[in-house]
Amino acid sequence: SSVDRRLKIWEITSRELPLLAEHSGQVLAVAVSPDGNLIATGSEDYTIKLWNAKTGAEIATLTGHKSVLALTFTPDSKRLISSGEEREMRIWEVSPPREIPRTPQQATLYGPKAISAASSYMALDPKAQTLFVWIPPPPRDMRGVHRIDVIDFANSQFLYDFKEAGRIVKSVVFAPNGTLAATGGADGSVRLWDMNRKEATMRPGGDWILFPKVAFGDIAITFDNARLIGTSTQGDVKIMNIADRKELKSFKAHDGAVYICQACPDNKRFVTYGEDNIIKIWDMEGKELRRWDLGRNQGMFVINMAFTPNGQQIVTANKNSTIYILDLP
């Protein structure tokens, strides 16, 4: 049931997560632990909840943030990193569930107002050595400086940052292996950044125009770093080969803007969610494998989503305080 206890009248999945409790506000962030055992959700109700991914039982409720905007697990599934509306980041142990006290170095990096704006997107490299944090400009100044902070997570040290100014960035993605970032602009272009522990450098070739005069929706990079999936505010999808910038597939995916695009860990599929309130799963040839129509009268129902590590489900963070697990073909 939803937060207002109304029955859902559309088909969602063969197995909806049987939650024992719910958030009291919109779910803004979701993450699945790399071992597949835990789901973490963050809400505008100022809480993080940990769930047993197999049974749906709530394990813990964690407090300390205002609205929780971003979540990511460490590769060993033992810790969780969170970002909140109050411009703080926190690190949690998942068993037993508790906030890990900050060292003086961590207080400087993650403490009150340590970052200049609330971050809704961050990622950790597979070795848990480097944390990447996107810092957008204030909403009233989207042509302002978009900054990415690169942090030595293992030693709690700031490494460097890199910036984009004078360009409206609509979406950002970090490649899963932590060596590449891509930003999608309001002008329909992509910028690729090679990253290491010392610096980030923009790849030769300059801005890569995917959607002339049409703004980017969301953007994804496959786990093998081979392909980039770009989407637009007009519902278009383009699958591109990163090495030679060759277009592999181009098609219309949604009526209206694409809000979410994520690559599956198997490098064979990806998911999109659009303004038409439909979730679609695709193969890399652009064939639609399945869809979930959430109802045209619902508005933007899904706020965030994540694949399970085995690529067999998608977990969605929803506006009505729930999460869904959707079984994939």
Protein backbone atom coordinates (compact mmCIF):
# COMPACT_ATOMS: atom_id res chain seq x y z
CA SER A 1 0.00 0.00 0.00
CA SER A 2 1.02 3.61 -0.49
CA VAL A 3 1.45 6.25 2.18
CA ASP A 4 -2.21 7.21 1.84
CA ARG A 5 -3.24 3.53 2.11
CA ARG A 6 -4.87 3.42 -1.33
CA LEU A 7 -4.55 0.19 -3.27
CA LYS A 8 -2.37 0.26 -6.37
CA ILE A 9 -4.48 -0.53 -9.39
CA TRP A 10 -1.70 -0.96 -11.92
CA GLU A 11 0.66 -3.89 -12.29
CA ILE A 12 4.07 -3.12 -10.87
CA THR A 13 5.95 -6.39 -10.61
CA SER A 14 5.58 -10.02 -9.83
CA ARG A 15 7.20 -9.37 -6.48
CA GLU A 16 6.77 -6.07 -4.71
CA LEU A 17 9.03 -5.61 -1.69
CA PRO A 18 6.96 -6.42 1.42
CA LEU A 19 8.05 -3.51 3.58
CA LEU A 20 7.15 -3.72 7.24
CA ALA A 21 7.22 0.07 7.60
CA GLU A 22 7.49 3.11 5.37
CA HIS A 23 9.08 6.52 5.31
CA SER A 24 6.80 9.41 6.15
CA GLY A 25 7.94 11.46 3.17
CA GLN A 26 9.27 11.13 -0.36
CA VAL A 27 12.13 8.67 -0.83
CA LEU A 28 14.92 10.66 -2.48
CA ALA A 29 17.84 8.21 -2.50
CA VAL A 30 18.34 4.46 -2.76
CA ALA A 31 21.36 2.16 -2.80
CA VAL A 32 21.85 -1.60 -2.82
CA SER A 33 24.84 -3.12 -1.03
CA PRO A 34 27.39 -4.83 -3.30
CA ASP A 35 26.70 -8.18 -1.64
CA GLY A 36 23.01 -7.74 -2.46
CA ASN A 37 21.84 -8.22 1.14
CA LEU A 38 20.87 -4.67 2.08
CA ILE A 39 18.86 -1.82 0.64
CA ALA A 40 19.38 1.68 2.01
CA THR A 41 16.82 4.44 1.45
CA GLY A 42 17.01 8.13 2.28
CA SER A 43 14.00 10.39 2.63
CA GLU A 44 12.84 13.95 3.08
CA ASP A 45 11.61 12.75 6.50
CA TYR A 46 15.23 13.19 7.72
CA THR A 47 15.88 9.44 8.03
CA ILE A 48 17.89 6.67 6.41
CA LYS A 49 16.41 3.19 6.60
CA LEU A 50 18.22 -0.11 6.16
CA TRP A 51 16.18 -3.04 4.84
CA ASN A 52 16.79 -6.73 4.42
CA ALA A 53 16.73 -7.07 0.64
CA LYS A 54 15.36 -10.62 0.70
CA THR A 55 12.56 -10.27 3.27
CA GLY A 56 11.77 -6.57 3.22
CA ALA A 57 12.19 -6.32 6.99
CA GLU A 58 13.40 -3.00 8.33
CA ILE A 59 16.75 -3.39 10.06
CA ALA A 60 17.37 0.13 11.33
CA THR A 61 16.42 3.79 11.10
CA LEU A 62 19.35 6.22 11.13
CA THR A 63 19.03 9.93 11.89
CA GLY A 64 21.34 12.93 11.69
CA HIS A 65 20.61 14.54 8.33
CA LYS A 66 17.86 16.78 7.11
CA SER A 67 16.52 15.49 3.76
CA VAL A 68 18.80 12.65 2.62
CA LEU A 69 19.88 13.26 -0.97
CA ALA A 70 22.46 10.58 -1.83
CA LEU A 71 23.64 7.18 -0.60
CA THR A 72 26.43 4.82 -1.57
CA PHE A 73 27.80 1.66 0.03
CA THR A 74 31.47 0.79 0.34
CA PRO A 75 32.54 -2.18 -1.81
CA ASP A 76 32.73 -4.50 1.21
CA SER A 77 29.08 -3.66 2.09
CA LYS A 78 30.11 -2.78 5.66
CA ARG A 79 29.70 0.99 5.52
CA LEU A 80 27.28 3.48 4.01
CA ILE A 81 28.05 7.07 2.96
CA SER A 82 25.26 9.64 2.93
CA SER A 83 24.79 13.25 1.85
CA GLY A 84 22.14 15.56 3.25
CA GLU A 85 20.32 18.78 2.49
CA GLU A 86 22.21 20.50 5.32
CA ARG A 87 25.45 20.12 3.29
CA GLU A 88 26.99 17.41 5.44
CA MET A 89 28.19 13.93 4.62
CA ARG A 90 28.12 11.08 7.12
CA ILE A 91 29.60 7.57 7.29
CA TRP A 92 27.65 4.74 8.87
CA GLU A 93 28.47 1.21 9.97
CA VAL A 94 25.71 -1.16 8.89
CA SER A 95 26.28 -3.92 11.48
CA PRO A 96 25.63 -2.86 14.14
CA PRO A 97 23.90 0.14 12.52
CA ARG A 98 25.46 3.35 13.84
CA GLU A 99 27.16 6.53 12.71
CA ILE A 100 30.93 6.25 12.78
CA PRO A 101 32.40 9.13 14.82
CA ARG A 102 34.31 11.57 12.67
CA THR A 103 38.03 12.05 12.99
CA PRO A 104 39.24 15.68 12.89
CA GLN A 105 40.15 15.17 9.23
CA GLN A 106 36.71 13.80 8.43
CA ALA A 107 35.06 16.69 10.26
CA THR A 108 36.90 19.06 7.95
CA LEU A 109 35.93 17.10 4.84
CA TYR A 110 32.37 16.09 5.68
CA GLY A 111 31.28 18.26 8.63
CA PRO A 112 28.78 21.11 8.88
CA LYS A 113 28.75 23.09 5.64
CA ALA A 114 32.08 21.57 4.60
CA ILE A 115 30.70 21.39 1.06
CA SER A 116 29.39 24.55 -0.58
CA ALA A 117 26.08 23.02 -1.73
CA ALA A 118 24.05 19.92 -1.00
CA SER A 119 25.21 17.01 -3.17
CA SER A 120 22.65 14.69 -4.72
CA TYR A 121 25.22 12.43 -6.41
CA MET A 122 28.41 10.75 -5.26
CA ALA A 123 30.30 7.56 -6.09
CA LEU A 124 33.08 5.46 -4.65
CA ASP A 125 35.67 3.58 -6.70
CA PRO A 126 35.77 -0.26 -6.47
CA LYS A 127 38.74 -0.23 -4.07
CA ALA A 128 37.10 2.27 -1.67
CA GLN A 129 40.05 4.58 -2.13
CA THR A 130 38.52 7.54 -3.97
CA LEU A 131 35.20 9.30 -3.39
CA PHE A 132 33.72 11.54 -6.09
CA VAL A 133 31.19 14.20 -5.07
CA TRP A 134 29.22 16.42 -7.45
CA ILE A 135 28.66 19.93 -6.06
CA PRO A 136 26.09 21.81 -8.19
CA PRO A 137 25.67 25.60 -8.11
CA PRO A 138 22.70 27.17 -6.32
CA PRO A 139 19.41 26.52 -8.16
CA ARG A 140 19.08 30.21 -9.01
CA ASP A 141 22.43 30.22 -10.79
CA MET A 142 22.61 27.10 -12.94
CA ARG A 143 25.22 28.77 -15.15
CA GLY A 144 27.43 29.01 -12.09
CA VAL A 145 30.30 26.71 -11.22
CA HIS A 146 29.63 22.98 -11.23
CA ARG A 147 32.35 21.34 -9.16
CA ILE A 148 33.44 17.76 -8.61
CA ASP A 149 35.44 17.08 -5.44
CA VAL A 150 37.82 14.12 -5.47
CA ILE A 151 38.56 12.78 -2.00
CA ASP A 152 41.00 10.17 -0.69
CA PHE A 153 38.33 8.21 1.15
CA ALA A 154 40.72 5.70 2.72
CA ASN A 155 42.85 8.43 4.34
CA SER A 156 40.23 11.20 4.66
CA GLN A 157 42.15 13.71 2.59
CA PHE A 158 41.03 16.16 -0.09
CA LEU A 159 42.86 15.41 -3.35
CA TYR A 160 41.60 18.00 -5.86
CA ASP A 161 38.54 19.35 -7.58
CA PHE A 162 37.65 20.20 -11.15
CA LYS A 163 35.07 22.64 -12.37
CA GLU A 164 32.79 23.57 -15.24
CA ALA A 165 31.69 27.20 -15.42
CA GLY A 166 29.41 29.04 -17.83
CA ARG A 167 27.74 25.81 -18.95
CA ILE A 168 24.44 24.50 -17.62
CA VAL A 169 25.14 20.92 -16.56
CA LYS A 170 21.98 18.80 -16.55
CA SER A 171 23.47 15.45 -15.56
CA VAL A 172 26.68 13.87 -14.29
CA VAL A 173 27.88 10.27 -14.19
CA PHE A 174 31.02 8.61 -12.81
CA ALA A 175 32.13 5.40 -14.48
CA PRO A 176 31.92 2.46 -12.04
CA ASN A 177 35.69 1.94 -12.08
CA GLY A 178 36.33 5.56 -11.07
CA THR A 179 38.50 6.55 -14.06
CA LEU A 180 36.01 8.50 -16.18
CA ALA A 181 33.32 11.14 -15.64
CA ALA A 182 30.83 12.55 -18.12
CA THR A 183 28.68 15.66 -17.91
CA GLY A 184 25.64 16.34 -20.09
CA GLY A 185 24.75 19.94 -20.87
CA ALA A 186 21.66 21.99 -21.64
CA ASP A 187 23.13 22.49 -25.13
CA GLY A 188 22.97 18.74 -25.81
CA SER A 189 26.70 18.18 -25.46
CA VAL A 190 28.83 15.77 -23.42
CA ARG A 191 32.19 16.41 -21.84
CA LEU A 192 34.38 13.45 -20.91
CA TRP A 193 36.90 13.71 -18.08
CA ASP A 194 39.71 11.22 -17.44
CA MET A 195 40.36 11.01 -13.71
CA ASN A 196 43.20 9.70 -11.59
CA ARG A 197 44.42 10.40 -8.06
CA LYS A 198 46.18 13.62 -9.07
CA GLU A 199 44.02 15.38 -11.63
CA ALA A 200 41.14 15.28 -14.08
CA THR A 201 41.69 16.17 -17.72
CA MET A 202 39.08 16.73 -20.40
CA ARG A 203 39.43 14.28 -23.27
CA PRO A 204 40.55 15.62 -26.64
CA GLY A 205 37.79 16.50 -29.07
CA GLY A 206 36.04 19.04 -26.89
CA ASP A 207 32.29 19.09 -26.42
CA TRP A 208 30.62 16.06 -27.97
CA ILE A 209 27.25 17.09 -29.41
CA LEU A 210 24.68 14.32 -29.08
CA PHE A 211 21.44 16.33 -29.20
CA PRO A 212 21.82 19.56 -31.20
CA LYS A 213 19.80 22.36 -29.55
CA VAL A 214 18.08 19.87 -27.21
CA ALA A 215 19.00 19.61 -23.54
CA PHE A 216 20.34 16.46 -21.94
CA GLY A 217 18.12 14.37 -19.71
CA ASP A 218 20.24 11.81 -17.85
CA ILE A 219 23.45 10.02 -18.78
CA ALA A 220 25.02 6.62 -18.06
CA ILE A 221 28.31 4.80 -18.69
CA THR A 222 28.46 1.02 -18.96
CA PHE A 223 30.49 -0.87 -16.37
CA ASP A 224 33.17 -1.75 -18.94
CA ASN A 225 33.67 1.95 -19.83
CA ALA A 226 32.93 1.12 -23.47
CA ARG A 227 29.60 2.84 -24.10
CA LEU A 228 27.85 6.02 -23.11
CA ILE A 229 24.06 6.21 -23.04
CA GLY A 230 22.73 9.73 -23.46
CA THR A 231 19.13 10.82 -23.14
CA SER A 232 17.33 14.06 -23.91
CA THR A 233 14.50 16.23 -22.63
CA GLN A 234 12.53 15.17 -25.73
CA GLY A 235 12.65 11.44 -24.92
CA ASP A 236 15.55 10.47 -27.20
CA VAL A 237 18.19 7.86 -26.41
CA LYS A 238 21.59 7.53 -28.08
CA ILE A 239 24.01 4.69 -27.42
CA MET A 240 27.54 5.81 -28.23
CA ASN A 241 30.91 4.09 -28.45
CA ILE A 242 33.23 6.11 -26.19
CA ALA A 243 36.56 5.24 -27.84
CA ASP A 244 35.75 6.60 -31.30
CA ARG A 245 32.60 8.64 -30.51
CA LYS A 246 30.61 6.55 -32.96
CA GLU A 247 26.83 6.44 -32.68
CA LEU A 248 25.67 2.85 -32.29
CA LYS A 249 21.90 3.31 -31.83
CA SER A 250 19.47 6.21 -31.71
CA PHE A 251 15.75 5.94 -30.93
CA LYS A 252 12.77 7.55 -29.26
CA ALA A 253 12.24 6.05 -25.81
CA HIS A 254 9.65 8.23 -24.03
CA ASP A 255 6.99 10.85 -24.58
CA GLY A 256 8.67 13.83 -22.94
CA ALA A 257 11.90 14.13 -21.01
CA VAL A 258 14.00 11.22 -19.75
CA TYR A 259 14.60 11.75 -16.04
CA ILE A 260 16.64 8.65 -15.15
CA CYS A 261 19.05 6.46 -17.15
CA GLN A 262 21.21 3.76 -15.57
CA ALA A 263 23.38 0.99 -16.97
CA CYS A 264 23.02 -2.59 -15.76
CA PRO A 265 26.11 -4.31 -14.27
CA ASP A 266 25.95 -6.95 -17.04
CA ASN A 267 26.78 -4.32 -19.74
CA LYS A 268 23.91 -5.75 -21.80
CA ARG A 269 20.92 -3.72 -20.59
CA PHE A 270 19.94 -0.31 -19.28
CA VAL A 271 16.89 1.30 -17.74
CA THR A 272 15.14 4.62 -18.43
CA TYR A 273 12.36 6.47 -16.67
CA GLY A 274 10.55 9.33 -18.36
CA GLU A 275 8.11 12.17 -18.06
CA ASP A 276 5.42 9.76 -19.30
CA ASN A 277 5.83 7.97 -15.94
CA ILE A 278 6.96 4.70 -17.55
CA ILE A 279 10.00 2.65 -16.56
CA LYS A 280 11.54 0.75 -19.48
CA ILE A 281 14.31 -1.81 -19.64
CA TRP A 282 16.29 -2.01 -22.91
CA ASP A 283 19.02 -4.12 -24.48
CA MET A 284 21.99 -2.48 -26.15
CA GLU A 285 20.36 -2.83 -29.57
CA GLY A 286 17.55 -0.52 -28.44
CA LYS A 287 14.99 -3.30 -28.05
CA GLU A 288 12.47 -2.71 -25.28
CA LEU A 289 12.44 -5.76 -23.01
CA ARG A 290 9.78 -4.72 -20.52
CA ARG A 291 7.93 -1.68 -19.23
CA TRP A 292 6.12 -0.65 -16.05
CA ASP A 293 3.45 2.00 -16.59
CA LEU A 294 2.94 3.86 -13.31
CA GLY A 295 -0.06 5.89 -14.47
CA ARG A 296 -0.23 9.19 -16.30
CA ASN A 297 -2.03 10.89 -13.41
CA GLN A 298 0.73 10.21 -10.91
CA GLY A 299 3.15 12.97 -11.89
CA MET A 300 6.85 12.19 -11.42
CA PHE A 301 6.46 9.08 -9.28
CA VAL A 302 10.00 7.66 -9.31
CA ILE A 303 12.71 9.93 -7.89
CA ASN A 304 15.70 7.60 -7.94
CA MET A 305 16.59 3.99 -8.69
CA ALA A 306 19.37 1.43 -8.48
CA PHE A 307 20.16 -1.96 -10.00
CA THR A 308 20.85 -4.90 -7.73
CA PRO A 309 24.45 -6.13 -8.16
CA ASN A 310 23.34 -9.30 -9.98
CA GLY A 311 21.35 -7.23 -12.48
CA GLN A 312 18.14 -9.15 -11.78
CA GLN A 313 16.11 -6.34 -10.19
CA ILE A 314 15.71 -2.58 -10.09
CA VAL A 315 14.92 -0.86 -6.81
CA THR A 316 12.99 2.40 -7.12
CA ALA A 317 12.72 5.29 -4.64
CA ASN A 318 9.23 6.72 -4.90
CA LYS A 319 7.38 9.94 -4.28
CA ASN A 320 4.68 8.25 -2.18
CA SER A 321 7.21 7.10 0.47
CA THR A 322 7.56 3.52 -0.86
CA ILE A 323 10.22 1.54 -2.68
CA TYR A 324 9.58 -1.13 -5.32
CA ILE A 325 11.68 -4.05 -6.43
CA LEU A 326 11.05 -4.75 -10.10
CA ASP A 327 12.01 -8.15 -11.53
CA LEU A 328 13.87 -7.86 -14.83
CA PRO A 329 13.58 -10.13 -17.88
